[in-house]
Amino acid sequence: MTYILGGWQSDFADNWQRKGWDTATAFAETVGSGLNAVGLQPGDIETGHVGNFAGELFAGQGLMGGFFGMLHADFNGMPTARHEAACASGSVAILAAAAEIDAGRYDLACVVGIEQMRNVSGEQAARNLGAAAWAGYEYTDTPFAWPKAFSDLAGEYEQRYGLDYRHLMAISQNNFDNAKRNPNAQTRKYTFTPENFTADDETNPIIVGRTRKMDCGQITDGSAVIFLASEKRAAAYAKQHDIPLESIPRIKGWGHRSAPISYDQKIRASAGAEYVFPQVRRAIEDARTRAGVSLDQLDAVETHDCFAVTEYMAIDHLGLTAPGESWKAIENGDIAMGGKLPINPSGGLIGLGHPVGATGVRMALDAWKQTAGKGGDYQVEGARTVQTLNIGGSATTTVSFVIGV
C-alpha cells in the first residue's frame, strides 16, 4: 500500500523565462518547497522519479533525474529515472515510484512533474506537442495537431450521438469558474463575457475545425511534487507529526492502459463498441476495482480536459451517464461544485493550466488535498475518495488513480 504524505505545486501563472528561470531552477524550487511543505529532509528520500514530456524540444534538456544530485549532497547517488508518456508522463512516474514501494525496494519516493512551455511561440509549442501524435502520418496538414485531433473527437461524438456546442462551453465555463478559487491557477484573474462561451467567431475564434479558443487547455510553465511512502514509513511519519495513520491519503487503486498511437486506428477499432475509447473505460474500471469502490463512492474527480470535448468524453467514460449522454450531467449540474460528482474542483487543464509532464502529479496532489481536507477555497466538503483520469495523446496512454483515506 502506497501513502501520499503531501507535496507542493508551483504557481501556474508564472512564466519561467520572464522570471529568469530555467528547468534546473524550477526543479530546485519544486523539490525544496515540497520538502518544506511536508517536513522532510533530502536524506529521507530513497528514490526519485520525474515526469516530463518534451524537455528536449522546449528547453533542450533531457536526463532530468540528474537534477536531484545537483540539489543536495544527500541526493548524490540516489536512484532516479525520468518517464515520458505525453500528457500522462506524471502519472506514469507515480506508477513507477509506487511499484518500487509496493515491491519493498524503497520506503520513501519523491515524484516530480515538470514542463516549461511558454519559452517558445504558440506555433512552436503546438509543433512540439504534436510529437505525441503519429509523426509524419497524422495531422500533417495542420500546425495544430491536438486542436485538430480533438475537433475530430467532437465530430465523432456528433456523428454517433449528437453534440451541442453549448455543453462543451458549459464545461469550459465551469472549469474557469473553479479556477478562480485556486491560488495557483493560471487563469484565476482572467475575465470573460457570456459571449466568450458561444460559437461567436470574434469572441471565441476557431483554431482549427470544430475547436475554438475557449475549448482549449492552457499552455503552461509548471511543476508539482508528491512524496510517496510505504505503510511502515507512513506510520513513522504519522507518529512523528502526531497524526493518525488513517488520516493520510493513500493510492487505493490504479489503472493503466495503452492503445495504438494512431487516432484513426483507435476510432476504427471502437466502431460499434459501447465507448469511443474502450481503453480509457478499462483504466477507469481497473482503478475502481483495485480500490474496491464504485462510482457512487467517489466524492470528486480530477480529469483530463486538454479540450472541453476531452472532459465531455470523460464524463460518460467515468460512468456518470450512459455513453453519448454526458450532456445530462452537465445540464443537471452534476459536475459543478456542490453537484453529484464535482469534476475538476482545481479548475482542470482549462482553468488551472496544463504543463504537460506535471499534470498527472498535480492531479494526484489535488486528490491528496481534497481527501486530506486541505483543498482551501476549492475544497469539496467531506471528500474522502477522489479519482484521477490522466490521458496522454489521443487516449494513447491512460492512467487513473483512486486516492483517499
Protein backbone atom coordinates (compact mmCIF):
# COMPACT_ATOMS: atom_id res chain seq x y z
CA MET A 1 0.00 0.00 0.00
CA THR A 2 1.35 3.41 -1.00
CA TYR A 3 0.62 6.54 1.02
CA ILE A 4 0.88 10.16 -0.12
CA LEU A 5 2.49 12.32 2.54
CA GLY A 6 1.78 15.55 0.67
CA GLY A 7 3.51 17.79 -1.82
CA TRP A 8 3.66 21.18 -3.49
CA GLN A 9 2.63 22.90 -6.73
CA SER A 10 4.12 25.91 -8.49
CA ASP A 11 2.05 28.91 -9.49
CA PHE A 12 0.84 28.01 -12.97
CA ALA A 13 0.52 31.69 -13.86
CA ASP A 14 4.31 32.06 -13.77
CA ASN A 15 6.33 32.48 -16.95
CA TRP A 16 9.68 30.97 -16.04
CA GLN A 17 11.64 32.64 -18.82
CA ARG A 18 10.42 36.06 -17.71
CA LYS A 19 11.50 35.21 -14.16
CA GLY A 20 14.95 34.25 -15.42
CA TRP A 21 14.38 30.58 -14.57
CA ASP A 22 15.48 27.53 -16.50
CA THR A 23 14.37 23.95 -15.90
CA ALA A 24 17.02 23.36 -13.25
CA THR A 25 15.91 26.42 -11.29
CA ALA A 26 12.28 25.35 -11.38
CA PHE A 27 13.23 21.79 -10.40
CA ALA A 28 15.18 23.04 -7.38
CA GLU A 29 12.31 25.30 -6.30
CA THR A 30 9.84 22.43 -6.63
CA VAL A 31 11.77 19.84 -4.63
CA GLY A 32 12.87 22.32 -1.96
CA SER A 33 9.39 23.74 -1.49
CA GLY A 34 7.91 20.26 -1.43
CA LEU A 35 10.30 19.05 1.26
CA ASN A 36 9.49 22.10 3.37
CA ALA A 37 5.74 21.67 2.89
CA VAL A 38 5.80 18.06 4.04
CA GLY A 39 8.50 18.34 6.71
CA LEU A 40 11.07 16.01 5.14
CA GLN A 41 14.82 16.23 4.61
CA PRO A 42 16.78 15.28 1.47
CA GLY A 43 18.33 12.37 3.35
CA ASP A 44 14.86 10.90 3.95
CA ILE A 45 14.24 10.33 0.23
CA GLU A 46 15.34 6.96 -1.15
CA THR A 47 14.32 7.18 -4.82
CA GLY A 48 13.39 9.94 -7.27
CA HIS A 49 11.14 9.95 -10.34
CA VAL A 50 10.46 12.70 -12.87
CA GLY A 51 7.52 13.05 -15.25
CA ASN A 52 8.41 15.18 -18.28
CA PHE A 53 7.21 15.02 -21.87
CA ALA A 54 9.22 17.31 -24.11
CA GLY A 55 12.11 18.89 -22.24
CA GLU A 56 14.41 18.33 -25.19
CA LEU A 57 12.04 20.13 -27.57
CA PHE A 58 11.11 23.09 -25.38
CA ALA A 59 14.31 23.60 -23.41
CA GLY A 60 16.95 21.34 -24.94
CA GLN A 61 17.05 19.42 -21.68
CA GLY A 62 16.77 15.70 -21.02
CA LEU A 63 18.01 13.37 -18.25
CA MET A 64 16.17 15.36 -15.61
CA GLY A 65 16.67 12.77 -12.88
CA GLY A 66 20.19 14.17 -12.71
CA PHE A 67 18.87 17.42 -11.25
CA PHE A 68 18.28 15.70 -7.90
CA GLY A 69 22.03 15.27 -7.39
CA MET A 70 22.56 18.99 -8.04
CA LEU A 71 20.34 19.98 -5.13
CA HIS A 72 21.90 18.38 -2.08
CA ALA A 73 24.76 16.02 -1.23
CA ASP A 74 22.26 13.55 0.22
CA PHE A 75 20.68 13.14 -3.23
CA ASN A 76 24.02 12.25 -4.82
CA GLY A 77 23.89 8.51 -5.53
CA MET A 78 20.13 8.20 -5.13
CA PRO A 79 18.46 6.15 -7.91
CA THR A 80 16.43 8.34 -10.27
CA ALA A 81 14.53 8.00 -13.55
CA ARG A 82 12.58 10.16 -15.98
CA HIS A 83 9.29 8.99 -17.53
CA GLU A 84 7.57 10.05 -20.76
CA ALA A 85 4.01 9.30 -21.79
CA ALA A 86 2.95 12.65 -23.28
CA CYS A 87 0.28 14.24 -21.06
CA ALA A 88 0.29 11.14 -18.82
CA SER A 89 4.02 11.41 -18.07
CA GLY A 90 3.47 12.49 -14.46
CA SER A 91 1.07 9.64 -13.75
CA VAL A 92 3.46 7.10 -15.24
CA ALA A 93 6.18 8.47 -12.94
CA ILE A 94 3.85 7.92 -9.98
CA LEU A 95 3.14 4.36 -11.14
CA ALA A 96 6.87 3.61 -11.27
CA ALA A 97 7.55 5.05 -7.83
CA ALA A 98 4.55 3.27 -6.29
CA ALA A 99 5.66 -0.02 -7.86
CA GLU A 100 9.08 0.34 -6.22
CA ILE A 101 7.44 0.95 -2.87
CA ASP A 102 4.97 -1.92 -3.27
CA ALA A 103 7.87 -4.22 -4.22
CA GLY A 104 9.66 -3.32 -0.99
CA ARG A 105 12.66 -1.77 -2.71
CA TYR A 106 12.25 1.62 -1.05
CA ASP A 107 10.08 3.23 1.60
CA LEU A 108 10.01 6.90 0.51
CA ALA A 109 9.92 8.32 -3.01
CA CYS A 110 9.89 11.81 -4.45
CA VAL A 111 7.91 12.24 -7.69
CA VAL A 112 8.32 15.47 -9.65
CA GLY A 113 6.27 16.52 -12.67
CA ILE A 114 7.69 19.42 -14.64
CA GLU A 115 7.31 21.16 -18.01
CA GLN A 116 8.40 24.50 -19.44
CA MET A 117 6.27 25.51 -22.42
CA ARG A 118 5.97 29.30 -22.52
CA ASN A 119 9.54 29.98 -23.68
CA VAL A 120 8.61 29.46 -27.36
CA SER A 121 5.93 30.84 -29.67
CA GLY A 122 2.45 29.33 -29.61
CA GLU A 123 3.03 27.88 -33.07
CA GLN A 124 6.30 26.24 -32.00
CA ALA A 125 4.67 24.93 -28.83
CA ALA A 126 1.95 23.33 -30.95
CA ARG A 127 4.57 21.67 -33.16
CA ASN A 128 6.45 20.37 -30.11
CA LEU A 129 3.29 18.95 -28.61
CA GLY A 130 2.50 17.26 -31.91
CA ALA A 131 5.31 14.80 -31.19
CA ALA A 132 2.77 12.76 -29.21
CA ALA A 133 0.78 12.10 -32.39
CA TRP A 134 1.88 9.63 -35.09
CA ALA A 135 4.59 11.83 -36.57
CA GLY A 136 4.63 12.04 -40.34
CA TYR A 137 1.35 10.16 -40.71
CA GLU A 138 -1.40 12.03 -38.88
CA TYR A 139 -2.23 15.75 -38.82
CA THR A 140 0.48 16.61 -41.30
CA ASP A 141 -1.83 19.18 -42.93
CA THR A 142 -2.09 21.44 -39.86
CA PRO A 143 0.32 23.07 -37.40
CA PHE A 144 -2.24 22.41 -34.65
CA ALA A 145 -2.27 18.63 -34.25
CA TRP A 146 -4.16 18.47 -30.98
CA PRO A 147 -6.86 21.05 -31.67
CA LYS A 148 -7.46 19.08 -34.90
CA ALA A 149 -7.43 15.68 -33.16
CA PHE A 150 -9.97 16.75 -30.59
CA SER A 151 -12.00 18.54 -33.22
CA ASP A 152 -12.21 15.11 -34.82
CA LEU A 153 -13.32 13.65 -31.48
CA ALA A 154 -16.10 16.25 -31.28
CA GLY A 155 -17.11 15.22 -34.79
CA GLU A 156 -17.12 11.57 -33.75
CA TYR A 157 -19.42 12.33 -30.83
CA GLU A 158 -21.70 14.35 -33.07
CA GLN A 159 -21.88 11.52 -35.59
CA ARG A 160 -22.51 8.79 -33.01
CA TYR A 161 -24.77 10.56 -30.54
CA GLY A 162 -25.29 14.20 -31.45
CA LEU A 163 -23.40 17.07 -29.79
CA ASP A 164 -24.46 20.56 -28.76
CA TYR A 165 -21.59 23.08 -28.55
CA ARG A 166 -23.31 24.77 -25.62
CA HIS A 167 -22.48 21.75 -23.48
CA LEU A 168 -18.80 21.99 -24.31
CA MET A 169 -18.82 25.64 -23.35
CA ALA A 170 -20.58 24.82 -20.08
CA ILE A 171 -17.62 22.55 -19.27
CA SER A 172 -15.13 25.32 -20.04
CA GLN A 173 -17.08 27.87 -18.03
CA ASN A 174 -17.31 25.51 -15.05
CA ASN A 175 -13.56 24.94 -15.07
CA PHE A 176 -12.76 28.64 -15.40
CA ASP A 177 -15.14 29.36 -12.52
CA ASN A 178 -13.48 26.71 -10.35
CA ALA A 179 -10.05 28.10 -11.19
CA LYS A 180 -10.94 31.45 -9.66
CA ARG A 181 -10.87 29.75 -6.24
CA ASN A 182 -7.44 28.18 -6.83
CA PRO A 183 -4.50 30.40 -5.84
CA ASN A 184 -2.19 28.50 -8.23
CA ALA A 185 -4.45 28.63 -11.30
CA GLN A 186 -3.11 30.25 -14.44
CA THR A 187 -6.48 31.84 -15.27
CA ARG A 188 -7.61 32.87 -11.78
CA LYS A 189 -7.58 36.55 -12.74
CA TYR A 190 -8.99 36.14 -16.24
CA THR A 191 -12.28 37.84 -17.03
CA PHE A 192 -14.84 36.74 -19.59
CA THR A 193 -18.13 37.84 -21.06
CA PRO A 194 -21.05 35.49 -21.79
CA GLU A 195 -20.23 35.84 -25.49
CA ASN A 196 -16.85 34.16 -24.91
CA PHE A 197 -18.72 30.92 -24.27
CA THR A 198 -20.62 30.89 -27.55
CA ALA A 199 -19.80 29.95 -31.14
CA ASP A 200 -19.05 33.60 -31.88
CA ASP A 201 -16.12 33.96 -34.26
CA GLU A 202 -14.97 37.25 -32.74
CA THR A 203 -15.05 36.45 -29.03
CA ASN A 204 -14.34 32.72 -29.43
CA PRO A 205 -12.45 32.29 -32.68
CA ILE A 206 -11.91 28.97 -34.44
CA ILE A 207 -8.44 27.46 -34.02
CA VAL A 208 -8.98 24.57 -36.41
CA GLY A 209 -12.02 22.56 -37.42
CA ARG A 210 -14.56 22.48 -34.58
CA THR A 211 -12.05 23.61 -31.93
CA ARG A 212 -12.37 27.18 -30.75
CA LYS A 213 -10.22 29.21 -28.37
CA MET A 214 -12.37 28.56 -25.30
CA ASP A 215 -12.25 24.80 -25.89
CA CYS A 216 -8.53 24.70 -25.21
CA GLY A 217 -6.43 23.95 -22.16
CA GLN A 218 -3.64 26.37 -21.34
CA ILE A 219 -0.01 26.36 -22.48
CA THR A 220 1.71 26.49 -19.09
CA ASP A 221 5.02 26.50 -17.26
CA GLY A 222 4.53 24.46 -14.14
CA SER A 223 5.65 21.79 -11.73
CA ALA A 224 4.31 19.67 -8.91
CA VAL A 225 5.81 17.20 -6.47
CA ILE A 226 4.41 14.49 -4.21
CA PHE A 227 6.06 12.17 -1.70
CA LEU A 228 5.04 8.52 -1.66
CA ALA A 229 5.64 6.27 1.33
CA SER A 230 5.28 2.63 2.33
CA GLU A 231 2.92 1.80 5.18
CA LYS A 232 5.88 1.41 7.53
CA ARG A 233 7.34 4.79 6.57
CA ALA A 234 3.92 6.47 6.65
CA ALA A 235 3.33 5.11 10.15
CA ALA A 236 6.63 6.59 11.30
CA TYR A 237 5.74 9.90 9.67
CA ALA A 238 2.32 9.87 11.34
CA LYS A 239 3.89 9.23 14.75
CA GLN A 240 6.46 11.99 14.23
CA HIS A 241 3.75 14.50 13.32
CA ASP A 242 1.24 13.22 15.89
CA ILE A 243 -1.45 12.41 13.35
CA PRO A 244 -3.42 9.18 12.81
CA LEU A 245 -2.07 6.96 10.04
CA GLU A 246 -5.67 6.61 8.84
CA SER A 247 -5.77 10.34 8.09
CA ILE A 248 -3.00 10.10 5.47
CA PRO A 249 -4.42 9.62 1.95
CA ARG A 250 -3.19 6.62 0.00
CA ILE A 251 -3.33 5.26 -3.52
CA LYS A 252 -6.19 2.80 -3.16
CA GLY A 253 -6.27 1.69 -6.78
CA TRP A 254 -4.74 2.33 -10.18
CA GLY A 255 -5.49 1.66 -13.82
CA HIS A 256 -3.03 1.90 -16.72
CA ARG A 257 -3.95 1.09 -20.32
CA SER A 258 -2.45 1.90 -23.71
CA ALA A 259 -3.83 1.94 -27.24
CA PRO A 260 -2.32 2.47 -30.72
CA ILE A 261 -0.77 5.89 -31.18
CA SER A 262 -2.90 6.44 -34.31
CA TYR A 263 -6.13 8.29 -33.56
CA ASP A 264 -7.79 6.89 -36.67
CA GLN A 265 -6.89 3.33 -35.73
CA LYS A 266 -8.40 3.79 -32.27
CA ILE A 267 -11.60 5.21 -33.70
CA ARG A 268 -11.94 2.50 -36.32
CA ALA A 269 -11.38 -0.17 -33.67
CA SER A 270 -14.13 1.25 -31.47
CA ALA A 271 -16.76 1.40 -34.21
CA GLY A 272 -19.80 -0.34 -32.78
CA ALA A 273 -18.26 -0.52 -29.31
CA GLU A 274 -20.03 0.85 -26.27
CA TYR A 275 -17.39 3.54 -25.63
CA VAL A 276 -15.44 5.74 -28.03
CA PHE A 277 -12.21 4.90 -26.18
CA PRO A 278 -12.54 1.42 -24.64
CA GLN A 279 -9.07 1.56 -23.05
CA VAL A 280 -9.97 4.76 -21.20
CA ARG A 281 -13.02 3.00 -19.80
CA ARG A 282 -10.90 -0.03 -18.82
CA ALA A 283 -8.33 2.12 -16.99
CA ILE A 284 -11.13 3.82 -15.02
CA GLU A 285 -12.71 0.50 -14.11
CA ASP A 286 -9.35 -1.10 -13.25
CA ALA A 287 -8.62 1.68 -10.74
CA ARG A 288 -12.00 1.32 -9.06
CA THR A 289 -11.82 -2.47 -8.98
CA ARG A 290 -8.39 -2.42 -7.35
CA ALA A 291 -9.63 0.18 -4.87
CA GLY A 292 -12.85 -1.71 -4.17
CA VAL A 293 -15.01 1.36 -4.78
CA SER A 294 -17.90 2.18 -7.08
CA LEU A 295 -18.86 5.38 -8.85
CA ASP A 296 -21.28 6.40 -6.12
CA GLN A 297 -18.49 6.25 -3.53
CA LEU A 298 -16.46 8.95 -5.30
CA ASP A 299 -16.58 12.49 -3.93
CA ALA A 300 -14.80 14.27 -6.80
CA VAL A 301 -12.82 13.69 -9.97
CA GLU A 302 -9.74 15.41 -11.37
CA THR A 303 -9.90 14.63 -15.07
CA HIS A 304 -8.11 15.43 -18.27
CA ASP A 305 -9.65 18.39 -20.09
CA CYS A 306 -6.93 19.36 -22.54
CA PHE A 307 -10.00 20.34 -24.58
CA ALA A 308 -13.61 20.68 -23.48
CA VAL A 309 -14.58 17.63 -25.53
CA THR A 310 -11.99 15.55 -23.65
CA GLU A 311 -13.92 16.16 -20.43
CA TYR A 312 -17.18 15.57 -22.28
CA MET A 313 -15.79 12.16 -23.24
CA ALA A 314 -14.54 11.56 -19.68
CA ILE A 315 -18.00 12.15 -18.19
CA ASP A 316 -19.60 9.19 -19.92
CA HIS A 317 -16.46 7.00 -19.73
CA LEU A 318 -16.45 7.60 -15.95
CA GLY A 319 -20.00 6.23 -15.95
CA LEU A 320 -21.66 9.40 -14.76
CA THR A 321 -24.02 9.00 -17.74
CA ALA A 322 -24.64 6.43 -20.43
CA PRO A 323 -22.34 6.69 -23.46
CA GLY A 324 -23.14 9.78 -25.51
CA GLU A 325 -25.28 11.34 -22.78
CA SER A 326 -22.68 13.47 -20.99
CA TRP A 327 -24.88 16.48 -21.64
CA LYS A 328 -27.32 15.23 -18.99
CA ALA A 329 -24.72 15.52 -16.21
CA ILE A 330 -23.82 19.00 -17.45
CA GLU A 331 -27.39 20.26 -17.61
CA ASN A 332 -28.19 18.72 -14.20
CA GLY A 333 -25.24 20.48 -12.56
CA ASP A 334 -23.79 17.13 -11.51
CA ILE A 335 -20.21 18.12 -12.38
CA ALA A 336 -20.28 21.55 -10.68
CA MET A 337 -19.09 22.26 -7.15
CA GLY A 338 -21.89 21.07 -4.91
CA GLY A 339 -23.14 18.70 -7.61
CA LYS A 340 -23.44 14.92 -7.60
CA LEU A 341 -19.78 14.45 -8.60
CA PRO A 342 -17.73 17.66 -8.85
CA ILE A 343 -15.26 17.44 -11.72
CA ASN A 344 -12.05 19.47 -11.67
CA PRO A 345 -12.55 21.48 -8.46
CA SER A 346 -9.00 22.72 -9.16
CA GLY A 347 -10.01 24.25 -12.50
CA GLY A 348 -8.53 21.42 -14.52
CA LEU A 349 -6.29 21.88 -17.53
CA ILE A 350 -8.57 24.58 -18.98
CA GLY A 351 -8.69 26.71 -15.85
CA LEU A 352 -5.65 25.73 -13.79
CA GLY A 353 -3.26 25.07 -16.67
CA HIS A 354 -1.54 22.17 -18.41
CA PRO A 355 2.24 21.89 -18.03
CA VAL A 356 2.17 18.54 -19.79
CA GLY A 357 4.64 16.46 -17.78
CA ALA A 358 3.41 17.89 -14.48
CA THR A 359 -0.32 17.34 -14.94
CA GLY A 360 -0.53 13.78 -13.62
CA VAL A 361 1.43 14.68 -10.49
CA ARG A 362 -0.67 17.79 -10.00
CA MET A 363 -3.87 15.74 -10.28
CA ALA A 364 -2.64 13.33 -7.60
CA LEU A 365 -1.64 16.27 -5.40
CA ASP A 366 -5.11 17.78 -5.76
CA ALA A 367 -6.68 14.42 -4.91
CA TRP A 368 -4.45 14.35 -1.81
CA LYS A 369 -5.53 17.89 -0.90
CA GLN A 370 -9.21 17.07 -1.22
CA THR A 371 -9.06 13.85 0.81
CA ALA A 372 -6.76 15.38 3.43
CA GLY A 373 -9.16 18.32 3.84
CA LYS A 374 -6.57 20.78 2.54
CA GLY A 375 -8.35 21.99 -0.59
CA GLY A 376 -8.78 25.54 0.72
CA ASP A 377 -11.30 27.62 -1.19
CA TYR A 378 -11.93 24.78 -3.63
CA GLN A 379 -12.38 22.05 -1.03
CA VAL A 380 -15.17 19.56 -1.76
CA GLU A 381 -16.94 19.22 1.57
CA GLY A 382 -16.37 15.86 3.21
CA ALA A 383 -14.28 14.45 0.37
CA ARG A 384 -12.75 11.08 1.23
CA THR A 385 -12.29 9.41 -2.16
CA VAL A 386 -11.19 11.11 -5.41
CA GLN A 387 -10.47 9.56 -8.80
CA THR A 388 -8.00 10.99 -11.30
CA LEU A 389 -8.06 10.43 -15.06
CA ASN A 390 -4.92 11.41 -16.98
CA ILE A 391 -4.75 10.89 -20.75
CA GLY A 392 -1.65 11.01 -22.97
CA GLY A 393 -2.02 11.81 -26.65
CA SER A 394 -5.29 10.89 -28.34
CA ALA A 395 -6.10 8.49 -25.49
CA THR A 396 -2.96 6.51 -26.37
CA THR A 397 -1.91 6.19 -22.72
CA THR A 398 -4.46 6.42 -19.91
CA VAL A 399 -3.71 6.33 -16.19
CA SER A 400 -6.29 6.57 -13.41
CA PHE A 401 -5.81 6.61 -9.66
CA VAL A 402 -8.27 6.29 -6.82
CA ILE A 403 -6.88 8.25 -3.89
CA GLY A 404 -8.43 8.52 -0.45
CA VAL A 405 -8.46 7.87 3.27
